Amino acid sequence: MSDHIVPPKVYVGIFLSLMVLTAATVAAAYVNLGAFNIVVALAIATLKATLVVLFFMHARYSPGRTQLVIICAVFWLAIMLALTLSDYVTRDQDVAANISVPQMLES
């Protein structure tokens, strides 16, 4: 089996990209975007995770079956997140706000 050899320039480029994205994450934390703060943070985190998986874990140069397993895992994660978020969105938010601390300790 022949391994794909990645030139050091690629690793330096990915490292610099990760540092820029980390700085973007920190900068985004200081900007008040309201409900979109979490969206921006998750988008940047997704980009960073994609770079790590593709280049540092060599998924970009892996055989098709390995890439298929990675795609299926990401799809499964998306299903789990969608189910979790649908449960969170349908919950009654006022119930937790109306319970005081002593009532919670008694039950």
PDB file of N, CA and C in Angstrom:
ATOM      1  N   MET A   1       0.844  -1.158   0.000  1.00  0.00           N
ATOM      2  CA  MET A   1       0.000   0.000   0.000  1.00  0.00           C
ATOM      3  C   MET A   1       0.895   1.228   0.000  1.00  0.00           C
ATOM      4  N   SER A   2       0.627   2.138  -0.907  1.00  0.00           N
ATOM      5  CA  SER A   2       1.424   3.352  -0.980  1.00  0.00           C
ATOM      6  C   SER A   2       0.695   4.472  -0.248  1.00  0.00           C
ATOM      7  N   ASP A   3       1.430   5.142   0.600  1.00  0.00           N
ATOM      8  CA  ASP A   3       0.854   6.250   1.355  1.00  0.00           C
ATOM      9  C   ASP A   3       1.064   7.549   0.592  1.00  0.00           C
ATOM     10  N   HIS A   4       0.093   8.421   0.720  1.00  0.00           N
ATOM     11  CA  HIS A   4       0.203   9.727   0.090  1.00  0.00           C
ATOM     12  C   HIS A   4       1.076  10.619   0.974  1.00  0.00           C
ATOM     13  N   ILE A   5       2.097  11.219   0.387  1.00  0.00           N
ATOM     14  CA  ILE A   5       2.991  12.100   1.135  1.00  0.00           C
ATOM     15  C   ILE A   5       2.556  13.539   0.899  1.00  0.00           C
ATOM     16  N   VAL A   6       2.249  14.208   1.990  1.00  0.00           N
ATOM     17  CA  VAL A   6       1.774  15.580   1.916  1.00  0.00           C
ATOM     18  C   VAL A   6       2.969  16.506   2.145  1.00  0.00           C
ATOM     19  N   PRO A   7       3.143  17.483   1.266  1.00  0.00           N
ATOM     20  CA  PRO A   7       4.267  18.420   1.460  1.00  0.00           C
ATOM     21  C   PRO A   7       4.072  19.277   2.714  1.00  0.00           C
ATOM     22  N   PRO A   8       5.164  19.670   3.353  1.00  0.00           N
ATOM     23  CA  PRO A   8       5.055  20.494   4.571  1.00  0.00           C
ATOM     24  C   PRO A   8       4.338  21.826   4.334  1.00  0.00           C
ATOM     25  N   LYS A   9       4.388  22.358   3.105  1.00  0.00           N
ATOM     26  CA  LYS A   9       3.694  23.615   2.819  1.00  0.00           C
ATOM     27  C   LYS A   9       2.198  23.499   3.080  1.00  0.00           C
ATOM     28  N   VAL A  10       1.638  22.325   2.789  1.00  0.00           N
ATOM     29  CA  VAL A  10       0.204  22.123   3.018  1.00  0.00           C
ATOM     30  C   VAL A  10      -0.102  22.187   4.512  1.00  0.00           C
ATOM     31  N   TYR A  11       0.733  21.538   5.321  1.00  0.00           N
ATOM     32  CA  TYR A  11       0.515  21.559   6.767  1.00  0.00           C
ATOM     33  C   TYR A  11       0.662  22.967   7.343  1.00  0.00           C
ATOM     34  N   VAL A  12       1.627  23.711   6.841  1.00  0.00           N
ATOM     35  CA  VAL A  12       1.801  25.087   7.309  1.00  0.00           C
ATOM     36  C   VAL A  12       0.583  25.928   6.915  1.00  0.00           C
ATOM     37  N   GLY A  13       0.096  25.735   5.699  1.00  0.00           N
ATOM     38  CA  GLY A  13      -1.091  26.468   5.247  1.00  0.00           C
ATOM     39  C   GLY A  13      -2.321  26.140   6.078  1.00  0.00           C
ATOM     40  N   ILE A  14      -2.498  24.862   6.388  1.00  0.00           N
ATOM     41  CA  ILE A  14      -3.642  24.446   7.217  1.00  0.00           C
ATOM     42  C   ILE A  14      -3.491  25.001   8.632  1.00  0.00           C
ATOM     43  N   PHE A  15      -2.277  24.954   9.160  1.00  0.00           N
ATOM     44  CA  PHE A  15      -2.046  25.505  10.498  1.00  0.00           C
ATOM     45  C   PHE A  15      -2.371  26.993  10.535  1.00  0.00           C
ATOM     46  N   LEU A  16      -1.915  27.737   9.542  1.00  0.00           N
ATOM     47  CA  LEU A  16      -2.209  29.168   9.494  1.00  0.00           C
ATOM     48  C   LEU A  16      -3.712  29.417   9.330  1.00  0.00           C
ATOM     49  N   SER A  17      -4.367  28.587   8.543  1.00  0.00           N
ATOM     50  CA  SER A  17      -5.823  28.714   8.393  1.00  0.00           C
ATOM     51  C   SER A  17      -6.534  28.468   9.719  1.00  0.00           C
ATOM     52  N   LEU A  18      -6.079  27.467  10.462  1.00  0.00           N
ATOM     53  CA  LEU A  18      -6.673  27.182  11.763  1.00  0.00           C
ATOM     54  C   LEU A  18      -6.445  28.330  12.744  1.00  0.00           C
ATOM     55  N   MET A  19      -5.281  28.958  12.673  1.00  0.00           N
ATOM     56  CA  MET A  19      -5.008  30.103  13.551  1.00  0.00           C
ATOM     57  C   MET A  19      -5.889  31.297  13.187  1.00  0.00           C
ATOM     58  N   VAL A  20      -6.085  31.527  11.894  1.00  0.00           N
ATOM     59  CA  VAL A  20      -6.968  32.620  11.462  1.00  0.00           C
ATOM     60  C   VAL A  20      -8.401  32.344  11.897  1.00  0.00           C
ATOM     61  N   LEU A  21      -8.841  31.089  11.753  1.00  0.00           N
ATOM     62  CA  LEU A  21     -10.202  30.748  12.180  1.00  0.00           C
ATOM     63  C   LEU A  21     -10.357  30.837  13.694  1.00  0.00           C
ATOM     64  N   THR A  22      -9.307  30.519  14.443  1.00  0.00           N
ATOM     65  CA  THR A  22      -9.360  30.676  15.896  1.00  0.00           C
ATOM     66  C   THR A  22      -9.477  32.152  16.265  1.00  0.00           C
ATOM     67  N   ALA A  23      -8.714  33.000  15.579  1.00  0.00           N
ATOM     68  CA  ALA A  23      -8.826  34.445  15.813  1.00  0.00           C
ATOM     69  C   ALA A  23     -10.224  34.943  15.440  1.00  0.00           C
ATOM     70  N   ALA A  24     -10.792  34.388  14.381  1.00  0.00           N
ATOM     71  CA  ALA A  24     -12.154  34.767  13.989  1.00  0.00           C
ATOM     72  C   ALA A  24     -13.159  34.337  15.051  1.00  0.00           C
ATOM     73  N   THR A  25     -12.937  33.193  15.673  1.00  0.00           N
ATOM     74  CA  THR A  25     -13.823  32.738  16.750  1.00  0.00           C
ATOM     75  C   THR A  25     -13.764  33.696  17.933  1.00  0.00           C
ATOM     76  N   VAL A  26     -12.558  34.099  18.302  1.00  0.00           N
ATOM     77  CA  VAL A  26     -12.397  35.028  19.420  1.00  0.00           C
ATOM     78  C   VAL A  26     -13.022  36.376  19.073  1.00  0.00           C
ATOM     79  N   ALA A  27     -12.786  36.853  17.861  1.00  0.00           N
ATOM     80  CA  ALA A  27     -13.356  38.135  17.439  1.00  0.00           C
ATOM     81  C   ALA A  27     -14.879  38.076  17.409  1.00  0.00           C
ATOM     82  N   ALA A  28     -15.423  36.965  16.950  1.00  0.00           N
ATOM     83  CA  ALA A  28     -16.876  36.818  16.883  1.00  0.00           C
ATOM     84  C   ALA A  28     -17.497  36.786  18.280  1.00  0.00           C
ATOM     85  N   ALA A  29     -16.731  36.351  19.269  1.00  0.00           N
ATOM     86  CA  ALA A  29     -17.251  36.304  20.636  1.00  0.00           C
ATOM     87  C   ALA A  29     -17.464  37.708  21.206  1.00  0.00           C
ATOM     88  N   TYR A  30     -16.731  38.673  20.684  1.00  0.00           N
ATOM     89  CA  TYR A  30     -16.858  40.046  21.184  1.00  0.00           C
ATOM     90  C   TYR A  30     -17.890  40.865  20.418  1.00  0.00           C
ATOM     91  N   VAL A  31     -18.452  40.301  19.357  1.00  0.00           N
ATOM     92  CA  VAL A  31     -19.459  40.999  18.568  1.00  0.00           C
ATOM     93  C   VAL A  31     -20.833  40.470  18.976  1.00  0.00           C
ATOM     94  N   ASN A  32     -21.750  41.375  19.267  1.00  0.00           N
ATOM     95  CA  ASN A  32     -23.094  40.956  19.671  1.00  0.00           C
ATOM     96  C   ASN A  32     -23.949  40.772  18.418  1.00  0.00           C
ATOM     97  N   LEU A  33     -24.166  39.520  18.053  1.00  0.00           N
ATOM     98  CA  LEU A  33     -24.996  39.194  16.903  1.00  0.00           C
ATOM     99  C   LEU A  33     -26.354  38.652  17.323  1.00  0.00           C
ATOM    100  N   GLY A  34     -26.643  38.725  18.597  1.00  0.00           N
ATOM    101  CA  GLY A  34     -27.918  38.215  19.092  1.00  0.00           C
ATOM    102  C   GLY A  34     -27.951  36.697  19.029  1.00  0.00           C
ATOM    103  N   ALA A  35     -28.997  36.185  18.429  1.00  0.00           N
ATOM    104  CA  ALA A  35     -29.167  34.732  18.337  1.00  0.00           C
ATOM    105  C   ALA A  35     -28.183  34.097  17.347  1.00  0.00           C
ATOM    106  N   PHE A  36     -27.538  34.903  16.518  1.00  0.00           N
ATOM    107  CA  PHE A  36     -26.628  34.348  15.515  1.00  0.00           C
ATOM    108  C   PHE A  36     -25.213  34.150  16.035  1.00  0.00           C
ATOM    109  N   ASN A  37     -24.935  34.509  17.282  1.00  0.00           N
ATOM    110  CA  ASN A  37     -23.603  34.252  17.840  1.00  0.00           C
ATOM    111  C   ASN A  37     -23.266  32.771  17.796  1.00  0.00           C
ATOM    112  N   ILE A  38     -24.212  31.951  18.201  1.00  0.00           N
ATOM    113  CA  ILE A  38     -23.958  30.509  18.213  1.00  0.00           C
ATOM    114  C   ILE A  38     -23.836  29.958  16.797  1.00  0.00           C
ATOM    115  N   VAL A  39     -24.577  30.525  15.869  1.00  0.00           N
ATOM    116  CA  VAL A  39     -24.504  30.075  14.473  1.00  0.00           C
ATOM    117  C   VAL A  39     -23.124  30.365  13.901  1.00  0.00           C
ATOM    118  N   VAL A  40     -22.612  31.562  14.153  1.00  0.00           N
ATOM    119  CA  VAL A  40     -21.288  31.927  13.657  1.00  0.00           C
ATOM    120  C   VAL A  40     -20.221  31.062  14.315  1.00  0.00           C
ATOM    121  N   ALA A  41     -20.320  30.872  15.619  1.00  0.00           N
ATOM    122  CA  ALA A  41     -19.339  30.052  16.326  1.00  0.00           C
ATOM    123  C   ALA A  41     -19.346  28.610  15.818  1.00  0.00           C
ATOM    124  N   LEU A  42     -20.524  28.051  15.609  1.00  0.00           N
ATOM    125  CA  LEU A  42     -20.600  26.676  15.106  1.00  0.00           C
ATOM    126  C   LEU A  42     -20.116  26.566  13.667  1.00  0.00           C
ATOM    127  N   ALA A  43     -20.361  27.582  12.864  1.00  0.00           N
ATOM    128  CA  ALA A  43     -19.875  27.558  11.477  1.00  0.00           C
ATOM    129  C   ALA A  43     -18.347  27.575  11.438  1.00  0.00           C
ATOM    130  N   ILE A  44     -17.745  28.414  12.263  1.00  0.00           N
ATOM    131  CA  ILE A  44     -16.284  28.460  12.313  1.00  0.00           C
ATOM    132  C   ILE A  44     -15.725  27.152  12.858  1.00  0.00           C
ATOM    133  N   ALA A  45     -16.354  26.609  13.884  1.00  0.00           N
ATOM    134  CA  ALA A  45     -15.904  25.329  14.450  1.00  0.00           C
ATOM    135  C   ALA A  45     -16.026  24.204  13.431  1.00  0.00           C
ATOM    136  N   THR A  46     -17.074  24.234  12.629  1.00  0.00           N
ATOM    137  CA  THR A  46     -17.251  23.218  11.593  1.00  0.00           C
ATOM    138  C   THR A  46     -16.156  23.314  10.542  1.00  0.00           C
ATOM    139  N   LEU A  47     -15.815  24.529  10.157  1.00  0.00           N
ATOM    140  CA  LEU A  47     -14.718  24.705   9.199  1.00  0.00           C
ATOM    141  C   LEU A  47     -13.397  24.179   9.762  1.00  0.00           C
ATOM    142  N   LYS A  48     -13.128  24.484  11.023  1.00  0.00           N
ATOM    143  CA  LYS A  48     -11.889  24.008  11.632  1.00  0.00           C
ATOM    144  C   LYS A  48     -11.874  22.482  11.737  1.00  0.00           C
ATOM    145  N   ALA A  49     -12.981  21.895  12.134  1.00  0.00           N
ATOM    146  CA  ALA A  49     -13.048  20.434  12.237  1.00  0.00           C
ATOM    147  C   ALA A  49     -12.890  19.785  10.869  1.00  0.00           C
ATOM    148  N   THR A  50     -13.461  20.404   9.843  1.00  0.00           N
ATOM    149  CA  THR A  50     -13.332  19.860   8.489  1.00  0.00           C
ATOM    150  C   THR A  50     -11.877  19.872   8.037  1.00  0.00           C
ATOM    151  N   LEU A  51     -11.171  20.961   8.304  1.00  0.00           N
ATOM    152  CA  LEU A  51      -9.756  21.021   7.940  1.00  0.00           C
ATOM    153  C   LEU A  51      -8.937  19.959   8.664  1.00  0.00           C
ATOM    154  N   VAL A  52      -9.219  19.777   9.944  1.00  0.00           N
ATOM    155  CA  VAL A  52      -8.478  18.770  10.714  1.00  0.00           C
ATOM    156  C   VAL A  52      -8.740  17.372  10.178  1.00  0.00           C
ATOM    157  N   VAL A  53     -10.000  17.060   9.914  1.00  0.00           N
ATOM    158  CA  VAL A  53     -10.335  15.716   9.423  1.00  0.00           C
ATOM    159  C   VAL A  53      -9.742  15.487   8.027  1.00  0.00           C
ATOM    160  N   LEU A  54      -9.882  16.457   7.157  1.00  0.00           N
ATOM    161  CA  LEU A  54      -9.418  16.271   5.786  1.00  0.00           C
ATOM    162  C   LEU A  54      -7.906  16.153   5.679  1.00  0.00           C
ATOM    163  N   PHE A  55      -7.168  16.993   6.393  1.00  0.00           N
ATOM    164  CA  PHE A  55      -5.730  17.034   6.173  1.00  0.00           C
ATOM    165  C   PHE A  55      -4.923  16.331   7.255  1.00  0.00           C
ATOM    166  N   PHE A  56      -5.191  16.601   8.538  1.00  0.00           N
ATOM    167  CA  PHE A  56      -4.391  15.980   9.588  1.00  0.00           C
ATOM    168  C   PHE A  56      -4.762  14.515   9.795  1.00  0.00           C
ATOM    169  N   MET A  57      -6.001  14.157   9.496  1.00  0.00           N
ATOM    170  CA  MET A  57      -6.397  12.752   9.589  1.00  0.00           C
ATOM    171  C   MET A  57      -6.331  12.065   8.222  1.00  0.00           C
ATOM    172  N   HIS A  58      -5.867  12.771   7.221  1.00  0.00           N
ATOM    173  CA  HIS A  58      -5.646  12.257   5.864  1.00  0.00           C
ATOM    174  C   HIS A  58      -6.896  11.690   5.208  1.00  0.00           C
ATOM    175  N   ALA A  59      -8.052  12.208   5.574  1.00  0.00           N
ATOM    176  CA  ALA A  59      -9.292  11.718   4.964  1.00  0.00           C
ATOM    177  C   ALA A  59      -9.398  12.140   3.502  1.00  0.00           C
ATOM    178  N   ARG A  60      -8.758  13.236   3.156  1.00  0.00           N
ATOM    179  CA  ARG A  60      -8.810  13.697   1.761  1.00  0.00           C
ATOM    180  C   ARG A  60      -8.152  12.702   0.820  1.00  0.00           C
ATOM    181  N   TYR A  61      -7.142  12.012   1.314  1.00  0.00           N
ATOM    182  CA  TYR A  61      -6.394  11.085   0.478  1.00  0.00           C
ATOM    183  C   TYR A  61      -6.765   9.633   0.757  1.00  0.00           C
ATOM    184  N   SER A  62      -7.823   9.401   1.499  1.00  0.00           N
ATOM    185  CA  SER A  62      -8.253   8.044   1.848  1.00  0.00           C
ATOM    186  C   SER A  62      -9.037   7.417   0.707  1.00  0.00           C
ATOM    187  N   PRO A  63      -9.165   6.094   0.746  1.00  0.00           N
ATOM    188  CA  PRO A  63      -9.992   5.421  -0.269  1.00  0.00           C
ATOM    189  C   PRO A  63     -11.469   5.822  -0.135  1.00  0.00           C
ATOM    190  N   GLY A  64     -12.228   5.506  -1.151  1.00  0.00           N
ATOM    191  CA  GLY A  64     -13.637   5.883  -1.203  1.00  0.00           C
ATOM    192  C   GLY A  64     -14.461   5.332  -0.059  1.00  0.00           C
ATOM    193  N   ARG A  65     -14.164   4.122   0.381  1.00  0.00           N
ATOM    194  CA  ARG A  65     -14.949   3.537   1.480  1.00  0.00           C
ATOM    195  C   ARG A  65     -14.745   4.302   2.775  1.00  0.00           C
ATOM    196  N   THR A  66     -13.538   4.730   3.045  1.00  0.00           N
ATOM    197  CA  THR A  66     -13.263   5.505   4.247  1.00  0.00           C
ATOM    198  C   THR A  66     -14.001   6.838   4.188  1.00  0.00           C
ATOM    199  N   GLN A  67     -13.996   7.464   3.030  1.00  0.00           N
ATOM    200  CA  GLN A  67     -14.723   8.724   2.873  1.00  0.00           C
ATOM    201  C   GLN A  67     -16.223   8.509   3.041  1.00  0.00           C
ATOM    202  N   LEU A  68     -16.735   7.375   2.566  1.00  0.00           N
ATOM    203  CA  LEU A  68     -18.146   7.057   2.737  1.00  0.00           C
ATOM    204  C   LEU A  68     -18.499   6.891   4.212  1.00  0.00           C
ATOM    205  N   VAL A  69     -17.630   6.244   4.979  1.00  0.00           N
ATOM    206  CA  VAL A  69     -17.867   6.079   6.414  1.00  0.00           C
ATOM    207  C   VAL A  69     -17.887   7.438   7.108  1.00  0.00           C
ATOM    208  N   ILE A  70     -16.988   8.317   6.729  1.00  0.00           N
ATOM    209  CA  ILE A  70     -16.950   9.654   7.329  1.00  0.00           C
ATOM    210  C   ILE A  70     -18.225  10.420   6.991  1.00  0.00           C
ATOM    211  N   ILE A  71     -18.664  10.348   5.749  1.00  0.00           N
ATOM    212  CA  ILE A  71     -19.889  11.034   5.336  1.00  0.00           C
ATOM    213  C   ILE A  71     -21.092  10.480   6.080  1.00  0.00           C
ATOM    214  N   CYS A  72     -21.150   9.160   6.237  1.00  0.00           N
ATOM    215  CA  CYS A  72     -22.264   8.552   6.981  1.00  0.00           C
ATOM    216  C   CYS A  72     -22.244   8.975   8.445  1.00  0.00           C
ATOM    217  N   ALA A  73     -21.059   9.079   9.042  1.00  0.00           N
ATOM    218  CA  ALA A  73     -20.959   9.512  10.435  1.00  0.00           C
ATOM    219  C   ALA A  73     -21.438  10.952  10.603  1.00  0.00           C
ATOM    220  N   VAL A  74     -21.075  11.812   9.668  1.00  0.00           N
ATOM    221  CA  VAL A  74     -21.523  13.202   9.735  1.00  0.00           C
ATOM    222  C   VAL A  74     -23.039  13.281   9.530  1.00  0.00           C
ATOM    223  N   PHE A  75     -23.557  12.469   8.631  1.00  0.00           N
ATOM    224  CA  PHE A  75     -25.004  12.429   8.407  1.00  0.00           C
ATOM    225  C   PHE A  75     -25.732  11.956   9.663  1.00  0.00           C
ATOM    226  N   TRP A  76     -25.205  10.936  10.321  1.00  0.00           N
ATOM    227  CA  TRP A  76     -25.803  10.438  11.556  1.00  0.00           C
ATOM    228  C   TRP A  76     -25.755  11.511  12.651  1.00  0.00           C
ATOM    229  N   LEU A  77     -24.647  12.238  12.741  1.00  0.00           N
ATOM    230  CA  LEU A  77     -24.541  13.327  13.700  1.00  0.00           C
ATOM    231  C   LEU A  77     -25.587  14.401  13.406  1.00  0.00           C
ATOM    232  N   ALA A  78     -25.811  14.702  12.140  1.00  0.00           N
ATOM    233  CA  ALA A  78     -26.819  15.688  11.757  1.00  0.00           C
ATOM    234  C   ALA A  78     -28.216  15.224  12.172  1.00  0.00           C
ATOM    235  N   ILE A  79     -28.497  13.936  12.011  1.00  0.00           N
ATOM    236  CA  ILE A  79     -29.794  13.400  12.444  1.00  0.00           C
ATOM    237  C   ILE A  79     -29.959  13.544  13.953  1.00  0.00           C
ATOM    238  N   MET A  80     -28.932  13.194  14.711  1.00  0.00           N
ATOM    239  CA  MET A  80     -29.010  13.295  16.170  1.00  0.00           C
ATOM    240  C   MET A  80     -29.174  14.745  16.614  1.00  0.00           C
ATOM    241  N   LEU A  81     -28.450  15.658  15.982  1.00  0.00           N
ATOM    242  CA  LEU A  81     -28.596  17.072  16.331  1.00  0.00           C
ATOM    243  C   LEU A  81     -29.985  17.586  15.975  1.00  0.00           C
ATOM    244  N   ALA A  82     -30.525  17.160  14.833  1.00  0.00           N
ATOM    245  CA  ALA A  82     -31.864  17.598  14.432  1.00  0.00           C
ATOM    246  C   ALA A  82     -32.912  17.097  15.422  1.00  0.00           C
ATOM    247  N   LEU A  83     -32.791  15.858  15.857  1.00  0.00           N
ATOM    248  CA  LEU A  83     -33.739  15.327  16.833  1.00  0.00           C
ATOM    249  C   LEU A  83     -33.614  16.049  18.178  1.00  0.00           C
ATOM    250  N   THR A  84     -32.401  16.332  18.596  1.00  0.00           N
ATOM    251  CA  THR A  84     -32.193  17.040  19.853  1.00  0.00           C
ATOM    252  C   THR A  84     -32.756  18.454  19.777  1.00  0.00           C
ATOM    253  N   LEU A  85     -32.479  19.142  18.686  1.00  0.00           N
ATOM    254  CA  LEU A  85     -32.971  20.510  18.549  1.00  0.00           C
ATOM    255  C   LEU A  85     -34.483  20.557  18.407  1.00  0.00           C
ATOM    256  N   SER A  86     -35.071  19.559  17.746  1.00  0.00           N
ATOM    257  CA  SER A  86     -36.532  19.545  17.644  1.00  0.00           C
ATOM    258  C   SER A  86     -37.165  19.326  19.011  1.00  0.00           C
ATOM    259  N   ASP A  87     -36.544  18.530  19.853  1.00  0.00           N
ATOM    260  CA  ASP A  87     -37.037  18.343  21.211  1.00  0.00           C
ATOM    261  C   ASP A  87     -36.898  19.637  22.015  1.00  0.00           C
ATOM    262  N   TYR A  88     -35.784  20.303  21.863  1.00  0.00           N
ATOM    263  CA  TYR A  88     -35.545  21.547  22.593  1.00  0.00           C
ATOM    264  C   TYR A  88     -36.519  22.644  22.179  1.00  0.00           C
ATOM    265  N   VAL A  89     -36.795  22.741  20.894  1.00  0.00           N
ATOM    266  CA  VAL A  89     -37.676  23.794  20.389  1.00  0.00           C
ATOM    267  C   VAL A  89     -39.114  23.580  20.840  1.00  0.00           C
ATOM    268  N   THR A  90     -39.544  22.330  20.979  1.00  0.00           N
ATOM    269  CA  THR A  90     -40.938  22.060  21.327  1.00  0.00           C
ATOM    270  C   THR A  90     -41.205  22.081  22.825  1.00  0.00           C
ATOM    271  N   ARG A  91     -40.206  22.271  23.638  1.00  0.00           N
ATOM    272  CA  ARG A  91     -40.424  22.311  25.089  1.00  0.00           C
ATOM    273  C   ARG A  91     -41.053  23.632  25.503  1.00  0.00           C
ATOM    274  N   ASP A  92     -41.829  23.572  26.592  1.00  0.00           N
ATOM    275  CA  ASP A  92     -42.455  24.767  27.141  1.00  0.00           C
ATOM    276  C   ASP A  92     -41.417  25.510  27.975  1.00  0.00           C
ATOM    277  N   GLN A  93     -41.022  26.683  27.540  1.00  0.00           N
ATOM    278  CA  GLN A  93     -39.972  27.445  28.206  1.00  0.00           C
ATOM    279  C   GLN A  93     -40.443  28.071  29.510  1.00  0.00           C
ATOM    280  N   ASP A  94     -41.741  28.290  29.682  1.00  0.00           N
ATOM    281  CA  ASP A  94     -42.255  28.954  30.874  1.00  0.00           C
ATOM    282  C   ASP A  94     -42.270  28.044  32.097  1.00  0.00           C
ATOM    283  N   VAL A  95     -42.256  26.750  31.907  1.00  0.00           N
ATOM    284  CA  VAL A  95     -42.330  25.830  33.046  1.00  0.00           C
ATOM    285  C   VAL A  95     -41.097  25.980  33.928  1.00  0.00           C
ATOM    286  N   ALA A  96     -39.940  25.997  33.343  1.00  0.00           N
ATOM    287  CA  ALA A  96     -38.713  26.111  34.132  1.00  0.00           C
ATOM    288  C   ALA A  96     -38.582  27.493  34.761  1.00  0.00           C
ATOM    289  N   ALA A  97     -39.109  28.512  34.128  1.00  0.00           N
ATOM    290  CA  ALA A  97     -39.000  29.869  34.665  1.00  0.00           C
ATOM    291  C   ALA A  97     -39.905  30.063  35.876  1.00  0.00           C
ATOM    292  N   ASN A  98     -41.013  29.332  35.992  1.00  0.00           N
ATOM    293  CA  ASN A  98     -41.954  29.503  37.092  1.00  0.00           C
ATOM    294  C   ASN A  98     -41.663  28.642  38.304  1.00  0.00           C
ATOM    295  N   ILE A  99     -40.706  27.758  38.233  1.00  0.00           N
ATOM    296  CA  ILE A  99     -40.365  26.899  39.371  1.00  0.00           C
ATOM    297  C   ILE A  99     -39.267  27.580  40.173  1.00  0.00           C
ATOM    298  N   SER A 100     -39.519  27.762  41.448  1.00  0.00           N
ATOM    299  CA  SER A 100     -38.488  28.356  42.293  1.00  0.00           C
ATOM    300  C   SER A 100     -37.554  27.263  42.816  1.00  0.00           C
ATOM    301  N   VAL A 101     -36.457  27.661  43.392  1.00  0.00           N
ATOM    302  CA  VAL A 101     -35.449  26.704  43.857  1.00  0.00           C
ATOM    303  C   VAL A 101     -36.003  25.784  44.951  1.00  0.00           C
ATOM    304  N   PRO A 102     -36.731  26.283  45.977  1.00  0.00           N
ATOM    305  CA  PRO A 102     -37.251  25.356  46.996  1.00  0.00           C
ATOM    306  C   PRO A 102     -38.224  24.339  46.427  1.00  0.00           C
ATOM    307  N   GLN A 103     -39.033  24.707  45.433  1.00  0.00           N
ATOM    308  CA  GLN A 103     -39.959  23.760  44.821  1.00  0.00           C
ATOM    309  C   GLN A 103     -39.176  22.660  44.091  1.00  0.00           C
ATOM    310  N   MET A 104     -38.092  23.022  43.477  1.00  0.00           N
ATOM    311  CA  MET A 104     -37.313  22.018  42.754  1.00  0.00           C
ATOM    312  C   MET A 104     -36.654  21.058  43.719  1.00  0.00           C
ATOM    313  N   LEU A 105     -36.242  21.544  44.904  1.00  0.00           N
ATOM    314  CA  LEU A 105     -35.601  20.677  45.867  1.00  0.00           C
ATOM    315  C   LEU A 105     -36.579  19.751  46.559  1.00  0.00           C
ATOM    316  N   GLU A 106     -37.849  20.144  46.688  1.00  0.00           N
ATOM    317  CA  GLU A 106     -38.845  19.310  47.341  1.00  0.00           C
ATOM    318  C   GLU A 106     -39.276  18.128  46.481  1.00  0.00           C
ATOM    319  N   SER A 107     -39.255  18.264  45.176  1.00  0.00           N
ATOM    320  CA  SER A 107     -39.743  17.176  44.331  1.00  0.00           C
ATOM    321  C   SER A 107     -38.681  16.166  44.020  1.00  0.00           C
TER     322      SER A 107
END
